[in-house]
Amino acid sequence: MSEASQTEDTNTTPASAATGPAPVAAIPGPDELLAAAKKEVAANYDRYMRAVADLENYRKRTIREKDELRQFAAANVVEDIIPILDNLSLGLAAAKQQTDVKAIVEGVGHVLEQFKSTLGKHGLKELNPQGQPFDPNQHDCISHQPSPEVPEEMVSQVVRLGYSLNGRLLRPASVVVSSGPAKVKEAKS
């Protein structure tokens, strides 16, 4: 080999090889490994206990909030109904002094409309299926009656109105369903 090639070879060798062998890391002994493992176990147990305590606190807080929500959920509805109670009291006092039944009926009708309007603002919807097809999911059929005017399986009479709250059925409407025109029995000869 020439001198030039030898200098190139020495220049291409890595710097770490030029400084000597890399220092060997000290291998921890069994006592040190055990101490490190115990320290990690203690830290994990502490995190576990904190997580359990946080979960228990969250559960208790959720139960408390649900109870408060249940207690005061109707507060908005009740606040809106109080003026209706006042109007009923005034109407009753006026009815005791009034001899004109028509005025009393008119006053009670106004209070009823106010009551329906207030409940409607809170999601209550009246179900009056008069003349609609019978729907067993929304209506409670109390009887079938023949009717020449009302087609078969249509509601011919509403006995009691139904109600839903925000789309959920509270009470089905009690209805009489038409069985169509009366069937004429043929006489036997």
N, C-alpha and C. Protein backbone atom coordinates (compact mmCIF):
# COMPACT_ATOMS: atom_id res chain seq x y z
N MET A 1 0.84 -1.18 0.00
CA MET A 1 0.00 0.00 0.00
C MET A 1 0.87 1.22 0.00
N SER A 2 0.35 2.22 -0.60
CA SER A 2 1.10 3.48 -0.64
C SER A 2 0.77 4.30 0.59
N GLU A 3 1.56 5.33 0.80
CA GLU A 3 1.33 6.18 1.96
C GLU A 3 0.01 6.93 1.85
N ALA A 4 -0.34 7.32 0.64
CA ALA A 4 -1.57 8.06 0.43
C ALA A 4 -2.78 7.22 0.79
N SER A 5 -2.74 5.94 0.42
CA SER A 5 -3.89 5.09 0.71
C SER A 5 -3.97 4.81 2.20
N GLN A 6 -2.81 4.75 2.89
CA GLN A 6 -2.84 4.51 4.32
C GLN A 6 -3.40 5.71 5.05
N THR A 7 -3.08 6.91 4.60
CA THR A 7 -3.64 8.09 5.27
C THR A 7 -5.13 8.20 5.02
N GLU A 8 -5.56 7.76 3.83
CA GLU A 8 -7.00 7.80 3.56
C GLU A 8 -7.72 6.82 4.45
N ASP A 9 -7.13 5.64 4.65
CA ASP A 9 -7.76 4.63 5.49
C ASP A 9 -7.87 5.13 6.93
N THR A 10 -6.86 5.81 7.42
CA THR A 10 -6.92 6.29 8.79
C THR A 10 -7.88 7.46 8.92
N ASN A 11 -8.08 8.21 7.84
CA ASN A 11 -9.02 9.33 7.90
C ASN A 11 -10.47 8.86 7.84
N THR A 12 -10.71 7.70 7.23
CA THR A 12 -12.09 7.22 7.10
C THR A 12 -12.55 6.43 8.31
N THR A 13 -11.72 6.14 9.22
CA THR A 13 -12.13 5.39 10.40
C THR A 13 -12.96 6.29 11.29
N PRO A 14 -13.96 5.76 11.92
CA PRO A 14 -14.81 6.58 12.78
C PRO A 14 -14.04 7.15 13.95
N ALA A 15 -14.57 8.27 14.45
CA ALA A 15 -13.91 8.97 15.54
C ALA A 15 -13.94 8.16 16.82
N SER A 16 -14.97 7.37 17.02
CA SER A 16 -15.05 6.59 18.25
C SER A 16 -13.99 5.51 18.29
N ALA A 17 -13.66 5.01 17.15
CA ALA A 17 -12.62 3.98 17.12
C ALA A 17 -11.27 4.60 17.44
N ALA A 18 -11.10 5.84 17.10
CA ALA A 18 -9.83 6.51 17.34
C ALA A 18 -9.65 6.79 18.82
N THR A 19 -10.76 7.03 19.56
CA THR A 19 -10.64 7.36 20.97
C THR A 19 -10.56 6.12 21.84
N GLY A 20 -10.85 5.01 21.33
CA GLY A 20 -10.75 3.80 22.11
C GLY A 20 -12.11 3.17 22.30
N PRO A 21 -12.17 2.11 23.04
CA PRO A 21 -13.45 1.42 23.23
C PRO A 21 -14.41 2.26 24.07
N ALA A 22 -15.75 2.10 23.75
CA ALA A 22 -16.79 2.85 24.48
C ALA A 22 -16.86 2.35 25.90
N PRO A 23 -17.13 3.25 26.85
CA PRO A 23 -17.21 2.80 28.24
C PRO A 23 -18.42 1.88 28.42
N VAL A 24 -18.29 0.86 29.15
CA VAL A 24 -19.35 -0.11 29.40
C VAL A 24 -20.19 0.42 30.56
N ALA A 25 -21.56 0.46 30.32
CA ALA A 25 -22.44 0.92 31.38
C ALA A 25 -22.46 -0.10 32.50
N ALA A 26 -22.55 0.41 33.69
CA ALA A 26 -22.56 -0.48 34.83
C ALA A 26 -23.88 -1.23 34.86
N ILE A 27 -23.86 -2.49 34.98
CA ILE A 27 -25.06 -3.32 35.03
C ILE A 27 -25.54 -3.30 36.48
N PRO A 28 -26.84 -2.89 36.67
CA PRO A 28 -27.33 -2.83 38.04
C PRO A 28 -27.44 -4.22 38.64
N GLY A 29 -27.24 -4.26 39.91
CA GLY A 29 -27.30 -5.52 40.62
C GLY A 29 -28.74 -5.86 40.98
N PRO A 30 -28.99 -7.05 41.49
CA PRO A 30 -30.35 -7.48 41.83
C PRO A 30 -31.01 -6.60 42.89
N ASP A 31 -30.25 -6.10 43.83
CA ASP A 31 -30.83 -5.23 44.87
C ASP A 31 -31.31 -3.91 44.26
N GLU A 32 -30.52 -3.38 43.34
CA GLU A 32 -30.92 -2.13 42.68
C GLU A 32 -32.15 -2.34 41.81
N LEU A 33 -32.22 -3.46 41.08
CA LEU A 33 -33.39 -3.78 40.25
C LEU A 33 -34.64 -3.94 41.11
N LEU A 34 -34.47 -4.62 42.25
CA LEU A 34 -35.60 -4.81 43.16
C LEU A 34 -36.07 -3.48 43.73
N ALA A 35 -35.17 -2.61 44.09
CA ALA A 35 -35.54 -1.29 44.63
C ALA A 35 -36.27 -0.47 43.57
N ALA A 36 -35.77 -0.52 42.32
CA ALA A 36 -36.42 0.23 41.24
C ALA A 36 -37.82 -0.32 40.98
N ALA A 37 -37.97 -1.65 41.02
CA ALA A 37 -39.28 -2.27 40.79
C ALA A 37 -40.25 -1.90 41.91
N LYS A 38 -39.75 -1.90 43.15
CA LYS A 38 -40.61 -1.53 44.29
C LYS A 38 -41.04 -0.07 44.18
N LYS A 39 -40.13 0.79 43.74
CA LYS A 39 -40.47 2.21 43.57
C LYS A 39 -41.53 2.38 42.48
N GLU A 40 -41.40 1.63 41.38
CA GLU A 40 -42.39 1.70 40.29
C GLU A 40 -43.74 1.16 40.75
N VAL A 41 -43.74 0.08 41.53
CA VAL A 41 -44.98 -0.49 42.07
C VAL A 41 -45.67 0.52 42.96
N ALA A 42 -44.92 1.18 43.82
CA ALA A 42 -45.50 2.18 44.73
C ALA A 42 -46.11 3.34 43.94
N ALA A 43 -45.42 3.78 42.89
CA ALA A 43 -45.95 4.87 42.07
C ALA A 43 -47.23 4.44 41.34
N ASN A 44 -47.23 3.22 40.81
CA ASN A 44 -48.43 2.72 40.13
C ASN A 44 -49.59 2.54 41.10
N TYR A 45 -49.31 2.05 42.30
CA TYR A 45 -50.36 1.87 43.30
C TYR A 45 -50.93 3.23 43.70
N ASP A 46 -50.08 4.24 43.86
CA ASP A 46 -50.53 5.58 44.20
C ASP A 46 -51.45 6.12 43.09
N ARG A 47 -51.04 5.96 41.81
CA ARG A 47 -51.88 6.41 40.69
C ARG A 47 -53.21 5.67 40.67
N TYR A 48 -53.16 4.37 40.95
CA TYR A 48 -54.38 3.56 40.99
C TYR A 48 -55.33 4.06 42.08
N MET A 49 -54.80 4.30 43.28
CA MET A 49 -55.65 4.76 44.39
C MET A 49 -56.25 6.13 44.10
N ARG A 50 -55.47 7.01 43.48
CA ARG A 50 -56.00 8.32 43.10
C ARG A 50 -57.11 8.18 42.06
N ALA A 51 -56.92 7.30 41.09
CA ALA A 51 -57.95 7.08 40.06
C ALA A 51 -59.22 6.52 40.68
N VAL A 52 -59.09 5.58 41.63
CA VAL A 52 -60.26 5.02 42.31
C VAL A 52 -60.98 6.11 43.09
N ALA A 53 -60.24 6.95 43.79
CA ALA A 53 -60.84 8.04 44.57
C ALA A 53 -61.53 9.04 43.65
N ASP A 54 -60.89 9.37 42.53
CA ASP A 54 -61.51 10.29 41.56
C ASP A 54 -62.80 9.71 41.01
N LEU A 55 -62.79 8.42 40.70
CA LEU A 55 -63.99 7.77 40.17
C LEU A 55 -65.11 7.77 41.20
N GLU A 56 -64.78 7.50 42.45
CA GLU A 56 -65.79 7.50 43.51
C GLU A 56 -66.36 8.91 43.72
N ASN A 57 -65.50 9.91 43.70
CA ASN A 57 -65.98 11.30 43.82
C ASN A 57 -66.88 11.67 42.65
N TYR A 58 -66.50 11.26 41.44
CA TYR A 58 -67.31 11.53 40.25
C TYR A 58 -68.68 10.85 40.38
N ARG A 59 -68.69 9.60 40.83
CA ARG A 59 -69.95 8.87 41.00
C ARG A 59 -70.86 9.57 42.00
N LYS A 60 -70.31 9.98 43.15
CA LYS A 60 -71.10 10.68 44.16
C LYS A 60 -71.62 12.01 43.65
N ARG A 61 -70.77 12.76 42.94
CA ARG A 61 -71.19 14.05 42.39
C ARG A 61 -72.30 13.87 41.36
N THR A 62 -72.20 12.84 40.52
CA THR A 62 -73.22 12.57 39.52
C THR A 62 -74.55 12.22 40.17
N ILE A 63 -74.52 11.40 41.20
CA ILE A 63 -75.75 11.05 41.92
C ILE A 63 -76.37 12.29 42.54
N ARG A 64 -75.55 13.14 43.15
CA ARG A 64 -76.05 14.36 43.78
C ARG A 64 -76.67 15.30 42.74
N GLU A 65 -76.00 15.44 41.58
CA GLU A 65 -76.53 16.31 40.52
C GLU A 65 -77.83 15.77 39.96
N LYS A 66 -77.93 14.45 39.81
CA LYS A 66 -79.18 13.84 39.32
C LYS A 66 -80.32 14.10 40.30
N ASP A 67 -80.04 13.96 41.59
CA ASP A 67 -81.07 14.20 42.60
C ASP A 67 -81.54 15.66 42.55
N GLU A 68 -80.60 16.58 42.43
CA GLU A 68 -80.96 18.00 42.34
C GLU A 68 -81.77 18.27 41.08
N LEU A 69 -81.38 17.66 39.99
CA LEU A 69 -82.11 17.84 38.74
C LEU A 69 -83.52 17.30 38.86
N ARG A 70 -83.66 16.13 39.50
CA ARG A 70 -84.99 15.54 39.70
C ARG A 70 -85.85 16.44 40.58
N GLN A 71 -85.26 17.01 41.61
CA GLN A 71 -86.02 17.85 42.54
C GLN A 71 -86.52 19.13 41.88
N PHE A 72 -85.68 19.73 41.05
CA PHE A 72 -86.01 21.05 40.52
C PHE A 72 -86.34 21.04 39.03
N ALA A 73 -86.52 19.86 38.44
CA ALA A 73 -86.82 19.78 37.00
C ALA A 73 -88.14 20.45 36.67
N ALA A 74 -89.11 20.34 37.53
CA ALA A 74 -90.44 20.89 37.27
C ALA A 74 -90.56 22.36 37.66
N ALA A 75 -89.50 22.97 38.14
CA ALA A 75 -89.57 24.34 38.63
C ALA A 75 -90.06 25.31 37.55
N ASN A 76 -89.56 25.19 36.32
CA ASN A 76 -90.00 26.10 35.25
C ASN A 76 -91.48 25.93 34.95
N VAL A 77 -91.95 24.70 34.91
CA VAL A 77 -93.36 24.45 34.63
C VAL A 77 -94.22 25.00 35.75
N VAL A 78 -93.83 24.75 36.98
CA VAL A 78 -94.61 25.22 38.13
C VAL A 78 -94.65 26.74 38.17
N GLU A 79 -93.53 27.40 37.86
CA GLU A 79 -93.51 28.86 37.85
C GLU A 79 -94.48 29.40 36.81
N ASP A 80 -94.61 28.71 35.66
CA ASP A 80 -95.54 29.16 34.63
C ASP A 80 -96.99 28.83 34.96
N ILE A 81 -97.22 27.85 35.83
CA ILE A 81 -98.59 27.46 36.19
C ILE A 81 -99.15 28.34 37.31
N ILE A 82 -98.30 28.95 38.10
CA ILE A 82 -98.76 29.76 39.23
C ILE A 82 -99.74 30.87 38.79
N PRO A 83 -99.48 31.61 37.69
CA PRO A 83 -100.47 32.60 37.28
C PRO A 83 -101.83 31.99 36.90
N ILE A 84 -101.82 30.77 36.42
CA ILE A 84 -103.08 30.11 36.09
C ILE A 84 -103.85 29.81 37.36
N LEU A 85 -103.15 29.38 38.40
CA LEU A 85 -103.80 29.15 39.69
C LEU A 85 -104.40 30.46 40.23
N ASP A 86 -103.65 31.55 40.06
CA ASP A 86 -104.18 32.85 40.48
C ASP A 86 -105.47 33.18 39.73
N ASN A 87 -105.47 32.95 38.41
CA ASN A 87 -106.67 33.24 37.62
C ASN A 87 -107.84 32.34 38.00
N LEU A 88 -107.55 31.08 38.32
CA LEU A 88 -108.64 30.20 38.78
C LEU A 88 -109.22 30.69 40.10
N SER A 89 -108.36 31.14 41.00
CA SER A 89 -108.85 31.67 42.29
C SER A 89 -109.71 32.90 42.08
N LEU A 90 -109.24 33.80 41.19
CA LEU A 90 -110.04 35.00 40.89
C LEU A 90 -111.37 34.62 40.24
N GLY A 91 -111.32 33.63 39.34
CA GLY A 91 -112.55 33.19 38.67
C GLY A 91 -113.53 32.58 39.65
N LEU A 92 -113.03 31.81 40.59
CA LEU A 92 -113.90 31.21 41.60
C LEU A 92 -114.54 32.29 42.48
N ALA A 93 -113.74 33.27 42.87
CA ALA A 93 -114.29 34.37 43.68
C ALA A 93 -115.34 35.14 42.90
N ALA A 94 -115.09 35.37 41.60
CA ALA A 94 -116.07 36.09 40.77
C ALA A 94 -117.32 35.24 40.56
N ALA A 95 -117.17 33.92 40.44
CA ALA A 95 -118.32 33.03 40.22
C ALA A 95 -119.24 33.02 41.43
N LYS A 96 -118.68 33.20 42.62
CA LYS A 96 -119.51 33.22 43.83
C LYS A 96 -120.40 34.47 43.86
N GLN A 97 -119.96 35.54 43.24
CA GLN A 97 -120.72 36.79 43.22
C GLN A 97 -121.58 36.91 41.95
N GLN A 98 -121.28 36.15 40.94
CA GLN A 98 -121.91 36.28 39.63
C GLN A 98 -123.15 35.39 39.55
N THR A 99 -124.16 35.89 38.91
CA THR A 99 -125.36 35.07 38.68
C THR A 99 -125.44 34.65 37.22
N ASP A 100 -124.67 35.28 36.34
CA ASP A 100 -124.68 34.97 34.92
C ASP A 100 -123.73 33.80 34.64
N VAL A 101 -124.31 32.66 34.32
CA VAL A 101 -123.53 31.44 34.08
C VAL A 101 -122.66 31.58 32.83
N LYS A 102 -123.13 32.30 31.84
CA LYS A 102 -122.39 32.45 30.59
C LYS A 102 -121.03 33.13 30.85
N ALA A 103 -120.99 34.13 31.69
CA ALA A 103 -119.74 34.83 32.01
C ALA A 103 -118.77 33.89 32.75
N ILE A 104 -119.32 33.06 33.62
CA ILE A 104 -118.47 32.11 34.36
C ILE A 104 -117.87 31.10 33.40
N VAL A 105 -118.69 30.58 32.50
CA VAL A 105 -118.20 29.59 31.53
C VAL A 105 -117.13 30.21 30.64
N GLU A 106 -117.35 31.44 30.23
CA GLU A 106 -116.37 32.14 29.39
C GLU A 106 -115.04 32.33 30.14
N GLY A 107 -115.10 32.70 31.41
CA GLY A 107 -113.89 32.89 32.21
C GLY A 107 -113.13 31.59 32.40
N VAL A 108 -113.84 30.51 32.69
CA VAL A 108 -113.19 29.21 32.86
C VAL A 108 -112.58 28.76 31.53
N GLY A 109 -113.24 29.06 30.43
CA GLY A 109 -112.70 28.72 29.10
C GLY A 109 -111.38 29.45 28.84
N HIS A 110 -111.32 30.72 29.23
CA HIS A 110 -110.07 31.48 29.07
C HIS A 110 -108.93 30.88 29.90
N VAL A 111 -109.25 30.49 31.13
CA VAL A 111 -108.23 29.90 32.00
C VAL A 111 -107.77 28.55 31.43
N LEU A 112 -108.70 27.77 30.88
CA LEU A 112 -108.34 26.50 30.26
C LEU A 112 -107.40 26.72 29.08
N GLU A 113 -107.68 27.69 28.24
CA GLU A 113 -106.80 27.99 27.11
C GLU A 113 -105.43 28.46 27.58
N GLN A 114 -105.39 29.26 28.64
CA GLN A 114 -104.12 29.71 29.20
C GLN A 114 -103.32 28.51 29.72
N PHE A 115 -104.01 27.58 30.36
CA PHE A 115 -103.37 26.39 30.90
C PHE A 115 -102.79 25.53 29.76
N LYS A 116 -103.57 25.30 28.71
CA LYS A 116 -103.10 24.51 27.56
C LYS A 116 -101.92 25.19 26.88
N SER A 117 -101.99 26.49 26.75
CA SER A 117 -100.90 27.24 26.11
C SER A 117 -99.60 27.12 26.92
N THR A 118 -99.72 27.25 28.22
CA THR A 118 -98.55 27.16 29.09
C THR A 118 -97.92 25.78 29.01
N LEU A 119 -98.73 24.74 29.07
CA LEU A 119 -98.19 23.38 28.98
C LEU A 119 -97.63 23.11 27.59
N GLY A 120 -98.23 23.70 26.57
CA GLY A 120 -97.71 23.56 25.21
C GLY A 120 -96.33 24.16 25.06
N LYS A 121 -96.06 25.27 25.74
CA LYS A 121 -94.73 25.87 25.71
C LYS A 121 -93.67 24.94 26.30
N HIS A 122 -94.10 24.04 27.16
CA HIS A 122 -93.18 23.11 27.80
C HIS A 122 -93.17 21.74 27.11
N GLY A 123 -93.74 21.65 25.92
CA GLY A 123 -93.64 20.43 25.12
C GLY A 123 -94.84 19.51 25.16
N LEU A 124 -95.90 19.87 25.88
CA LEU A 124 -97.08 19.02 25.93
C LEU A 124 -97.92 19.25 24.67
N LYS A 125 -98.28 18.18 24.01
CA LYS A 125 -99.08 18.27 22.79
C LYS A 125 -100.34 17.43 22.98
N GLU A 126 -101.45 18.03 22.62
CA GLU A 126 -102.74 17.35 22.72
C GLU A 126 -102.94 16.49 21.48
N LEU A 127 -103.39 15.25 21.68
CA LEU A 127 -103.66 14.35 20.56
C LEU A 127 -105.16 14.19 20.40
N ASN A 128 -105.69 14.78 19.32
CA ASN A 128 -107.11 14.67 19.00
C ASN A 128 -107.22 14.03 17.62
N PRO A 129 -107.36 12.70 17.57
CA PRO A 129 -107.31 12.00 16.29
C PRO A 129 -108.65 11.90 15.55
N GLN A 130 -109.57 12.77 15.83
CA GLN A 130 -110.89 12.72 15.19
C GLN A 130 -110.73 12.70 13.67
N GLY A 131 -111.31 11.66 13.00
CA GLY A 131 -111.28 11.56 11.55
C GLY A 131 -109.98 11.02 10.98
N GLN A 132 -109.04 10.65 11.82
CA GLN A 132 -107.75 10.11 11.35
C GLN A 132 -107.79 8.59 11.36
N PRO A 133 -106.87 7.96 10.64
CA PRO A 133 -106.80 6.49 10.70
C PRO A 133 -106.40 6.03 12.12
N PHE A 134 -106.95 4.89 12.52
CA PHE A 134 -106.62 4.35 13.85
C PHE A 134 -105.17 3.91 13.88
N ASP A 135 -104.43 4.36 14.91
CA ASP A 135 -103.03 3.99 15.11
C ASP A 135 -102.91 3.40 16.51
N PRO A 136 -102.69 2.08 16.62
CA PRO A 136 -102.63 1.47 17.95
C PRO A 136 -101.46 1.97 18.80
N ASN A 137 -100.47 2.61 18.17
CA ASN A 137 -99.36 3.17 18.93
C ASN A 137 -99.71 4.50 19.58
N GLN A 138 -100.74 5.17 19.08
CA GLN A 138 -101.14 6.48 19.59
C GLN A 138 -102.55 6.49 20.20
N HIS A 139 -103.35 5.49 19.86
CA HIS A 139 -104.76 5.49 20.26
C HIS A 139 -105.10 4.21 21.00
N ASP A 140 -106.09 4.33 21.88
CA ASP A 140 -106.62 3.19 22.61
C ASP A 140 -108.07 3.00 22.16
N CYS A 141 -108.32 1.94 21.40
CA CYS A 141 -109.66 1.68 20.88
C CYS A 141 -110.52 1.08 21.99
N ILE A 142 -111.60 1.78 22.35
CA ILE A 142 -112.47 1.25 23.40
C ILE A 142 -113.67 0.51 22.81
N SER A 143 -113.97 0.79 21.52
CA SER A 143 -115.03 0.02 20.84
C SER A 143 -115.01 0.29 19.35
N HIS A 144 -115.71 -0.58 18.63
CA HIS A 144 -115.94 -0.41 17.19
C HIS A 144 -117.42 -0.15 16.99
N GLN A 145 -117.76 0.78 16.12
CA GLN A 145 -119.16 1.06 15.82
C GLN A 145 -119.33 1.19 14.32
N PRO A 146 -120.40 0.66 13.80
CA PRO A 146 -120.65 0.86 12.37
C PRO A 146 -121.04 2.32 12.12
N SER A 147 -120.60 2.85 10.98
CA SER A 147 -120.93 4.23 10.63
C SER A 147 -120.98 4.35 9.11
N PRO A 148 -122.10 4.84 8.57
CA PRO A 148 -122.17 5.00 7.11
C PRO A 148 -121.33 6.20 6.64
N GLU A 149 -121.05 7.17 7.51
CA GLU A 149 -120.31 8.37 7.12
C GLU A 149 -118.79 8.21 7.24
N VAL A 150 -118.33 7.46 8.23
CA VAL A 150 -116.90 7.34 8.51
C VAL A 150 -116.38 6.02 7.94
N PRO A 151 -115.32 6.07 7.12
CA PRO A 151 -114.78 4.84 6.54
C PRO A 151 -114.25 3.89 7.62
N GLU A 152 -114.11 2.63 7.25
CA GLU A 152 -113.65 1.59 8.15
C GLU A 152 -112.23 1.88 8.65
N GLU A 153 -111.98 1.57 9.92
CA GLU A 153 -110.68 1.75 10.61
C GLU A 153 -110.27 3.22 10.76
N MET A 154 -111.23 4.12 10.71
CA MET A 154 -110.98 5.54 10.98
C MET A 154 -111.60 5.86 12.34
N VAL A 155 -111.03 6.84 13.04
CA VAL A 155 -111.55 7.25 14.34
C VAL A 155 -112.83 8.03 14.11
N SER A 156 -113.92 7.50 14.66
CA SER A 156 -115.21 8.17 14.49
C SER A 156 -115.55 9.06 15.68
N GLN A 157 -114.99 8.76 16.85
CA GLN A 157 -115.30 9.56 18.04
C GLN A 157 -114.11 9.50 19.00
N VAL A 158 -113.77 10.64 19.58
CA VAL A 158 -112.72 10.70 20.60
C VAL A 158 -113.40 10.82 21.95
N VAL A 159 -113.19 9.81 22.81
CA VAL A 159 -113.81 9.80 24.13
C VAL A 159 -112.95 10.57 25.12
N ARG A 160 -111.62 10.40 25.00
CA ARG A 160 -110.69 11.11 25.88
C ARG A 160 -109.44 11.46 25.07
N LEU A 161 -109.02 12.72 25.16
CA LEU A 161 -107.85 13.16 24.40
C LEU A 161 -106.58 12.48 24.92
N GLY A 162 -105.62 12.34 24.02
CA GLY A 162 -104.32 11.81 24.40
C GLY A 162 -103.32 12.94 24.51
N TYR A 163 -102.16 12.67 25.11
CA TYR A 163 -101.14 13.69 25.28
C TYR A 163 -99.76 13.09 25.06
N SER A 164 -98.89 13.89 24.45
CA SER A 164 -97.48 13.51 24.30
C SER A 164 -96.63 14.67 24.82
N LEU A 165 -95.47 14.32 25.35
CA LEU A 165 -94.55 15.31 25.88
C LEU A 165 -93.26 15.20 25.09
N ASN A 166 -92.96 16.24 24.31
CA ASN A 166 -91.76 16.28 23.48
C ASN A 166 -91.61 15.01 22.63
N GLY A 167 -92.72 14.57 22.04
CA GLY A 167 -92.71 13.43 21.15
C GLY A 167 -92.89 12.07 21.83
N ARG A 168 -92.91 12.05 23.13
CA ARG A 168 -93.10 10.79 23.87
C ARG A 168 -94.55 10.71 24.35
N LEU A 169 -95.20 9.60 24.03
CA LEU A 169 -96.60 9.42 24.39
C LEU A 169 -96.76 9.30 25.90
N LEU A 170 -97.58 10.19 26.48
CA LEU A 170 -97.87 10.11 27.92
C LEU A 170 -99.15 9.32 28.15
N ARG A 171 -100.16 9.62 27.32
CA ARG A 171 -101.44 8.94 27.45
C ARG A 171 -102.05 8.81 26.06
N PRO A 172 -102.43 7.59 25.67
CA PRO A 172 -103.05 7.45 24.35
C PRO A 172 -104.48 8.01 24.38
N ALA A 173 -104.94 8.44 23.21
CA ALA A 173 -106.31 8.93 23.10
C ALA A 173 -107.26 7.73 23.12
N SER A 174 -108.32 7.82 23.90
CA SER A 174 -109.34 6.76 23.92
C SER A 174 -110.34 7.09 22.82
N VAL A 175 -110.51 6.14 21.88
CA VAL A 175 -111.30 6.42 20.69
C VAL A 175 -112.28 5.30 20.39
N VAL A 176 -113.30 5.67 19.60
CA VAL A 176 -114.22 4.72 19.01
C VAL A 176 -113.86 4.65 17.54
N VAL A 177 -113.66 3.44 17.03
CA VAL A 177 -113.22 3.25 15.65
C VAL A 177 -114.40 2.76 14.82
N SER A 178 -114.49 3.30 13.62
CA SER A 178 -115.57 2.92 12.72
C SER A 178 -115.30 1.54 12.13
N SER A 179 -116.35 0.75 12.04
CA SER A 179 -116.24 -0.55 11.37
C SER A 179 -116.87 -0.48 9.99
N GLY A 180 -117.08 0.74 9.50
CA GLY A 180 -117.66 0.93 8.17
C GLY A 180 -119.18 0.87 8.24
N PRO A 181 -119.82 0.84 7.06
CA PRO A 181 -121.29 0.76 7.05
C PRO A 181 -121.77 -0.54 7.70
N ALA A 182 -122.94 -0.47 8.31
CA ALA A 182 -123.50 -1.63 8.99
C ALA A 182 -123.74 -2.75 7.99
N LYS A 183 -123.43 -3.94 8.39
CA LYS A 183 -123.64 -5.13 7.56
C LYS A 183 -125.09 -5.56 7.72
N VAL A 184 -125.76 -5.76 6.60
CA VAL A 184 -127.16 -6.21 6.64
C VAL A 184 -127.17 -7.72 6.62
N LYS A 185 -127.82 -8.29 7.61
CA LYS A 185 -127.92 -9.76 7.67
C LYS A 185 -129.04 -10.21 6.74
N GLU A 186 -128.77 -11.25 5.99
CA GLU A 186 -129.77 -11.77 5.08
C GLU A 186 -130.73 -12.66 5.88
N ALA A 187 -132.01 -12.48 5.60
CA ALA A 187 -133.04 -13.27 6.27
C ALA A 187 -133.12 -14.65 5.63
N LYS A 188 -133.26 -15.68 6.48
CA LYS A 188 -133.37 -17.05 5.98
C LYS A 188 -134.81 -17.32 5.57
N SER A 189 -135.00 -17.95 4.45
CA SER A 189 -136.35 -18.24 3.99
C SER A 189 -136.75 -19.62 4.36
